[in-house]
Amino acid sequence: MDSILKKIQASIPDYPGRKEILRQILGLLDLTTLEGTDNEERIKVLCNKALSFGNHGLPLPAAVCVYPPFIKLARKLLEGSGVKVASVVGAFPSGQLPLHLRVNECSYAVSEGAHEVDMVISRGAFLAGEYEFIIDEVAAMKQACGEVHLKVILETGELGSSDNIKLASELAIMGGADFIKTSTGKIQPAATPEAMLTMLKVIHAENVINGRMTGIKPAGGISTPDQAMIYYLLVKQINGDAWLNNHLFRIGASRLADGILAELQGK
């Protein structure tokens, strides 16, 4: 394990300013529901939960993330709050559709009012060495997005090695990703600190070489304040304070907010 990661993990229990960091993390969340059982009532519950943070004097989450049929409803419920609506596109979570159909889904999500879209790369194509295709598919989705932010999910748990995670990160950035994201949350392992560290180093190198500030989003299985702190401190350590905002750093989660709220409220 990288020495940076070891030091961060050892520091978590007594980290100075822990409660203030947890407050900041609430404002970095993409509060998410991506289940086959999702319906309008569940989306209403999710959006009401997002808005309820303000009742506790806490930052609102950066976004809610929903499937495309619920974009308009979420936009209506969150209107005026500043909370963005994100949606998954591109045959999430498998990505197994022809590219033109995935691009069409992206265009649909944008037309419905999504502020942000999260796509998945074709892991089968990547593992077969079709690297130009990965660049091209990201570029095609980015073109369909226009000004809408594009988060590119690598599904790191299926890539097999840190070298593959590094290369997939580089390809996604070449294609025009605004963010690179670890996981769909639908396979195990999902997000891991080790994968996050590899991705952050690629972003850091890209910033040093080309001055490009690509965002990052760990997602999948991040459910406790301690886990969230690890990802926050990795970003701080590798990329610096300039990344500690919701324009460049998100955490995708469905249960994490409850744990943070409980700790902040002393429960």
Protein backbone atom coordinates (compact mmCIF):
# COMPACT_ATOMS: atom_id res chain seq x y z
CA MET A 1 0.00 0.00 0.00
CA ASP A 2 1.24 3.49 -0.83
CA SER A 3 2.83 5.23 2.16
CA ILE A 4 0.59 8.29 1.63
CA LEU A 5 -2.50 6.14 2.01
CA LYS A 6 -1.12 4.40 5.11
CA LYS A 7 -0.47 7.74 6.81
CA ILE A 8 -3.93 9.04 5.97
CA GLN A 9 -5.67 5.92 7.26
CA ALA A 10 -3.72 6.06 10.51
CA SER A 11 -4.64 9.73 11.05
CA ILE A 12 -8.40 9.44 10.56
CA PRO A 13 -9.70 8.83 14.12
CA ASP A 14 -8.12 11.96 15.63
CA TYR A 15 -7.74 14.16 12.55
CA PRO A 16 -7.80 17.88 13.46
CA GLY A 17 -10.94 19.69 12.33
CA ARG A 18 -12.75 16.43 11.62
CA LYS A 19 -16.25 17.85 12.15
CA GLU A 20 -15.63 20.79 9.83
CA ILE A 21 -14.33 18.41 7.16
CA LEU A 22 -17.47 16.29 7.51
CA ARG A 23 -19.57 19.43 7.02
CA GLN A 24 -17.63 20.12 3.84
CA ILE A 25 -18.12 16.55 2.65
CA LEU A 26 -21.90 16.96 2.89
CA GLY A 27 -21.59 19.71 0.28
CA LEU A 28 -19.58 17.39 -2.00
CA LEU A 29 -22.15 14.59 -2.11
CA ASP A 30 -24.00 13.31 -5.14
CA LEU A 31 -26.94 11.88 -3.20
CA THR A 32 -27.88 8.87 -5.26
CA THR A 33 -30.61 6.36 -5.97
CA LEU A 34 -30.05 4.04 -8.94
CA GLU A 35 -32.27 1.02 -8.35
CA GLY A 36 -34.61 -0.91 -10.58
CA THR A 37 -37.33 -0.22 -8.00
CA ASP A 38 -36.99 3.58 -8.23
CA ASN A 39 -40.26 5.44 -8.76
CA GLU A 40 -41.57 8.97 -8.36
CA GLU A 41 -42.16 8.57 -4.63
CA ARG A 42 -38.59 7.45 -4.04
CA ILE A 43 -37.28 10.43 -6.00
CA LYS A 44 -39.43 12.77 -3.89
CA VAL A 45 -37.99 11.23 -0.73
CA LEU A 46 -34.43 11.64 -2.05
CA CYS A 47 -34.94 15.28 -3.05
CA ASN A 48 -36.63 16.12 0.25
CA LYS A 49 -33.70 14.54 2.05
CA ALA A 50 -31.28 16.69 0.04
CA LEU A 51 -33.19 19.85 0.93
CA SER A 52 -33.50 18.85 4.60
CA PHE A 53 -29.78 19.39 5.22
CA GLY A 54 -30.52 23.10 5.35
CA ASN A 55 -32.88 22.53 8.30
CA HIS A 56 -29.82 21.53 10.32
CA GLY A 57 -27.77 24.53 9.22
CA LEU A 58 -25.62 22.29 7.05
CA PRO A 59 -24.51 22.55 3.41
CA LEU A 60 -26.86 21.08 0.84
CA PRO A 61 -25.44 18.24 -1.28
CA ALA A 62 -23.93 19.14 -4.63
CA ALA A 63 -26.39 17.03 -6.61
CA VAL A 64 -28.89 14.24 -6.64
CA CYS A 65 -28.24 11.46 -9.14
CA VAL A 66 -31.17 9.61 -10.71
CA TYR A 67 -32.09 7.57 -13.75
CA PRO A 68 -33.16 9.59 -16.85
CA PRO A 69 -36.96 9.15 -16.45
CA PHE A 70 -36.81 11.11 -13.18
CA ILE A 71 -34.74 14.11 -14.29
CA LYS A 72 -37.68 16.46 -14.83
CA LEU A 73 -39.26 15.57 -11.50
CA ALA A 74 -36.00 16.10 -9.63
CA ARG A 75 -35.46 19.44 -11.40
CA LYS A 76 -38.92 20.59 -10.31
CA LEU A 77 -38.47 19.48 -6.70
CA LEU A 78 -35.02 21.07 -6.37
CA GLU A 79 -35.74 24.28 -8.27
CA GLY A 80 -34.04 27.29 -6.72
CA SER A 81 -32.07 25.27 -4.18
CA GLY A 82 -28.75 25.19 -6.03
CA VAL A 83 -28.71 21.38 -5.85
CA LYS A 84 -27.93 20.03 -9.31
CA VAL A 85 -29.57 17.06 -11.02
CA ALA A 86 -27.23 14.40 -12.37
CA SER A 87 -28.23 11.34 -14.36
CA VAL A 88 -26.52 8.16 -15.48
CA VAL A 89 -26.41 7.52 -19.22
CA GLY A 90 -24.84 5.26 -21.82
CA ALA A 91 -26.56 1.97 -20.88
CA PHE A 92 -25.56 2.27 -17.23
CA PRO A 93 -24.18 0.17 -15.60
CA SER A 94 -22.93 -2.23 -18.31
CA GLY A 95 -22.40 0.15 -21.23
CA GLN A 96 -23.35 -2.69 -23.52
CA LEU A 97 -25.21 -0.91 -26.29
CA PRO A 98 -24.03 0.43 -29.65
CA LEU A 99 -22.42 3.82 -29.24
CA HIS A 100 -25.04 5.76 -31.21
CA LEU A 101 -27.76 4.51 -28.86
CA ARG A 102 -25.73 5.48 -25.81
CA VAL A 103 -25.14 8.92 -27.28
CA ASN A 104 -28.88 9.23 -27.90
CA GLU A 105 -29.55 8.48 -24.23
CA CYS A 106 -27.07 11.18 -23.27
CA SER A 107 -28.81 13.67 -25.57
CA TYR A 108 -32.15 12.71 -24.03
CA ALA A 109 -30.88 13.31 -20.49
CA VAL A 110 -29.57 16.72 -21.50
CA SER A 111 -32.87 17.60 -23.17
CA GLU A 112 -34.73 16.60 -20.00
CA GLY A 113 -32.68 19.12 -18.02
CA ALA A 114 -29.81 17.19 -16.46
CA HIS A 115 -27.08 19.51 -15.19
CA GLU A 116 -24.56 16.64 -15.26
CA VAL A 117 -24.34 13.16 -16.77
CA ASP A 118 -22.36 10.13 -15.62
CA MET A 119 -21.41 7.67 -18.38
CA VAL A 120 -19.63 4.31 -18.27
CA ILE A 121 -16.75 3.38 -20.54
CA SER A 122 -16.80 0.11 -22.48
CA ARG A 123 -14.68 -2.05 -20.22
CA GLY A 124 -14.81 -4.98 -22.63
CA ALA A 125 -13.37 -2.83 -25.40
CA PHE A 126 -10.72 -1.45 -23.05
CA LEU A 127 -9.62 -4.91 -21.92
CA ALA A 128 -9.45 -5.96 -25.58
CA GLY A 129 -6.96 -3.15 -26.20
CA GLU A 130 -9.34 -0.92 -28.18
CA TYR A 131 -7.98 2.24 -26.62
CA GLU A 132 -8.88 4.61 -29.45
CA PHE A 133 -12.49 3.49 -29.12
CA ILE A 134 -12.51 4.57 -25.46
CA ILE A 135 -11.28 8.04 -26.42
CA ASP A 136 -13.83 8.23 -29.23
CA GLU A 137 -16.80 7.14 -27.10
CA VAL A 138 -16.00 9.67 -24.39
CA ALA A 139 -15.56 12.37 -27.04
CA ALA A 140 -18.91 11.48 -28.63
CA MET A 141 -20.68 11.65 -25.27
CA LYS A 142 -18.97 14.94 -24.45
CA GLN A 143 -20.16 16.39 -27.74
CA ALA A 144 -23.71 15.30 -26.91
CA CYS A 145 -23.38 16.97 -23.49
CA GLY A 146 -22.53 20.41 -24.78
CA GLU A 147 -22.07 22.57 -21.68
CA VAL A 148 -23.38 19.85 -19.36
CA HIS A 149 -20.63 18.30 -17.24
CA LEU A 150 -19.57 14.77 -18.16
CA LYS A 151 -18.40 12.35 -15.47
CA VAL A 152 -16.74 9.24 -16.91
CA ILE A 153 -17.06 6.03 -14.88
CA LEU A 154 -14.10 3.67 -15.27
CA GLU A 155 -15.55 0.79 -13.20
CA THR A 156 -12.15 0.26 -11.63
CA GLY A 157 -13.13 -3.06 -10.05
CA GLU A 158 -13.35 -4.60 -13.54
CA LEU A 159 -10.11 -3.17 -14.90
CA GLY A 160 -7.86 -5.64 -13.12
CA SER A 161 -4.73 -3.62 -12.27
CA SER A 162 -3.48 -0.19 -11.26
CA ASP A 163 -1.79 0.09 -14.67
CA ASN A 164 -5.16 -0.37 -16.35
CA ILE A 165 -6.79 2.16 -14.04
CA LYS A 166 -4.04 4.63 -14.88
CA LEU A 167 -4.43 4.10 -18.63
CA ALA A 168 -8.24 4.26 -18.52
CA SER A 169 -8.00 7.54 -16.59
CA GLU A 170 -5.66 8.98 -19.20
CA LEU A 171 -7.91 7.89 -22.07
CA ALA A 172 -11.03 9.35 -20.44
CA ILE A 173 -9.27 12.69 -19.96
CA MET A 174 -8.07 12.62 -23.58
CA GLY A 175 -11.68 12.13 -24.65
CA GLY A 176 -12.80 15.24 -22.77
CA ALA A 177 -14.03 14.01 -19.39
CA ASP A 178 -14.85 16.80 -16.94
CA PHE A 179 -14.62 14.25 -14.11
CA ILE A 180 -13.32 10.72 -13.83
CA LYS A 181 -15.26 8.45 -11.51
CA THR A 182 -14.34 5.14 -9.92
CA SER A 183 -17.42 2.98 -10.08
CA THR A 184 -21.08 2.39 -10.81
CA GLY A 185 -21.60 0.89 -7.36
CA LYS A 186 -23.08 -2.18 -9.02
CA ILE A 187 -20.05 -4.50 -8.87
CA GLN A 188 -17.49 -5.40 -6.20
CA PRO A 189 -15.01 -4.03 -5.52
CA ALA A 190 -16.50 -0.60 -6.08
CA ALA A 191 -14.55 2.47 -4.97
CA THR A 192 -11.24 1.74 -3.23
CA PRO A 193 -8.67 4.19 -1.86
CA GLU A 194 -6.00 2.46 -3.96
CA ALA A 195 -7.89 3.06 -7.21
CA MET A 196 -8.62 6.63 -6.15
CA LEU A 197 -4.92 7.25 -5.49
CA THR A 198 -3.99 6.04 -8.98
CA MET A 199 -6.62 8.28 -10.57
CA LEU A 200 -5.56 11.31 -8.54
CA LYS A 201 -1.96 10.89 -9.65
CA VAL A 202 -3.09 10.92 -13.30
CA ILE A 203 -5.10 14.09 -12.69
CA HIS A 204 -2.14 15.69 -10.90
CA ALA A 205 0.20 14.87 -13.78
CA GLU A 206 -2.29 16.22 -16.34
CA ASN A 207 -2.56 19.44 -14.35
CA VAL A 208 1.22 19.83 -14.14
CA ILE A 209 1.78 19.08 -17.84
CA ASN A 210 -1.24 20.70 -19.50
CA GLY A 211 -2.77 22.87 -16.77
CA ARG A 212 -6.03 20.93 -16.99
CA MET A 213 -8.10 20.58 -13.81
CA THR A 214 -10.11 17.37 -14.14
CA GLY A 215 -12.56 16.52 -11.38
CA ILE A 216 -12.76 13.23 -9.52
CA LYS A 217 -15.61 11.24 -8.02
CA PRO A 218 -15.28 8.10 -5.92
CA ALA A 219 -18.58 6.22 -5.72
CA GLY A 220 -19.85 2.86 -4.54
CA GLY A 221 -19.63 1.44 -1.02
CA ILE A 222 -18.65 4.70 0.70
CA SER A 223 -21.02 4.59 3.64
CA THR A 224 -19.16 5.76 6.76
CA PRO A 225 -17.63 9.10 7.80
CA ASP A 226 -14.21 7.44 8.20
CA GLN A 227 -14.31 6.15 4.61
CA ALA A 228 -15.33 9.56 3.28
CA MET A 229 -12.51 11.22 5.25
CA ILE A 230 -9.95 8.96 3.56
CA TYR A 231 -11.07 10.08 0.09
CA TYR A 232 -11.19 13.73 1.13
CA LEU A 233 -7.67 13.62 2.55
CA LEU A 234 -6.33 11.78 -0.50
CA VAL A 235 -7.59 14.60 -2.71
CA LYS A 236 -6.09 17.19 -0.36
CA GLN A 237 -2.74 15.42 -0.23
CA ILE A 238 -2.32 14.68 -3.96
CA ASN A 239 -4.11 17.55 -5.71
CA GLY A 240 -4.28 20.20 -3.00
CA ASP A 241 -6.94 22.50 -1.62
CA ALA A 242 -7.88 23.74 -5.11
CA TRP A 243 -9.77 20.45 -5.60
CA LEU A 244 -11.69 20.58 -2.31
CA ASN A 245 -14.90 21.95 -3.79
CA ASN A 246 -17.88 20.49 -5.60
CA HIS A 247 -16.68 21.78 -8.97
CA LEU A 248 -13.78 19.30 -8.90
CA PHE A 249 -14.59 16.72 -6.22
CA ARG A 250 -17.73 14.70 -5.58
CA ILE A 251 -18.53 11.60 -3.57
CA GLY A 252 -21.33 9.40 -4.85
CA ALA A 253 -23.27 7.80 -2.01
CA SER A 254 -26.70 6.72 -0.83
CA ARG A 255 -26.11 6.02 2.89
CA LEU A 256 -23.14 8.23 3.77
CA ALA A 257 -25.14 11.37 4.59
CA ASP A 258 -26.98 9.61 7.42
CA GLY A 259 -23.72 8.63 9.12
CA ILE A 260 -22.27 12.12 8.79
CA LEU A 261 -25.43 13.75 10.12
CA ALA A 262 -25.47 11.37 13.09
CA GLU A 263 -21.86 12.22 13.97
CA LEU A 264 -22.32 15.97 13.57
CA GLN A 265 -25.41 15.87 15.75
CA GLY A 266 -23.71 13.70 18.37
CA LYS A 267 -26.02 10.73 17.99
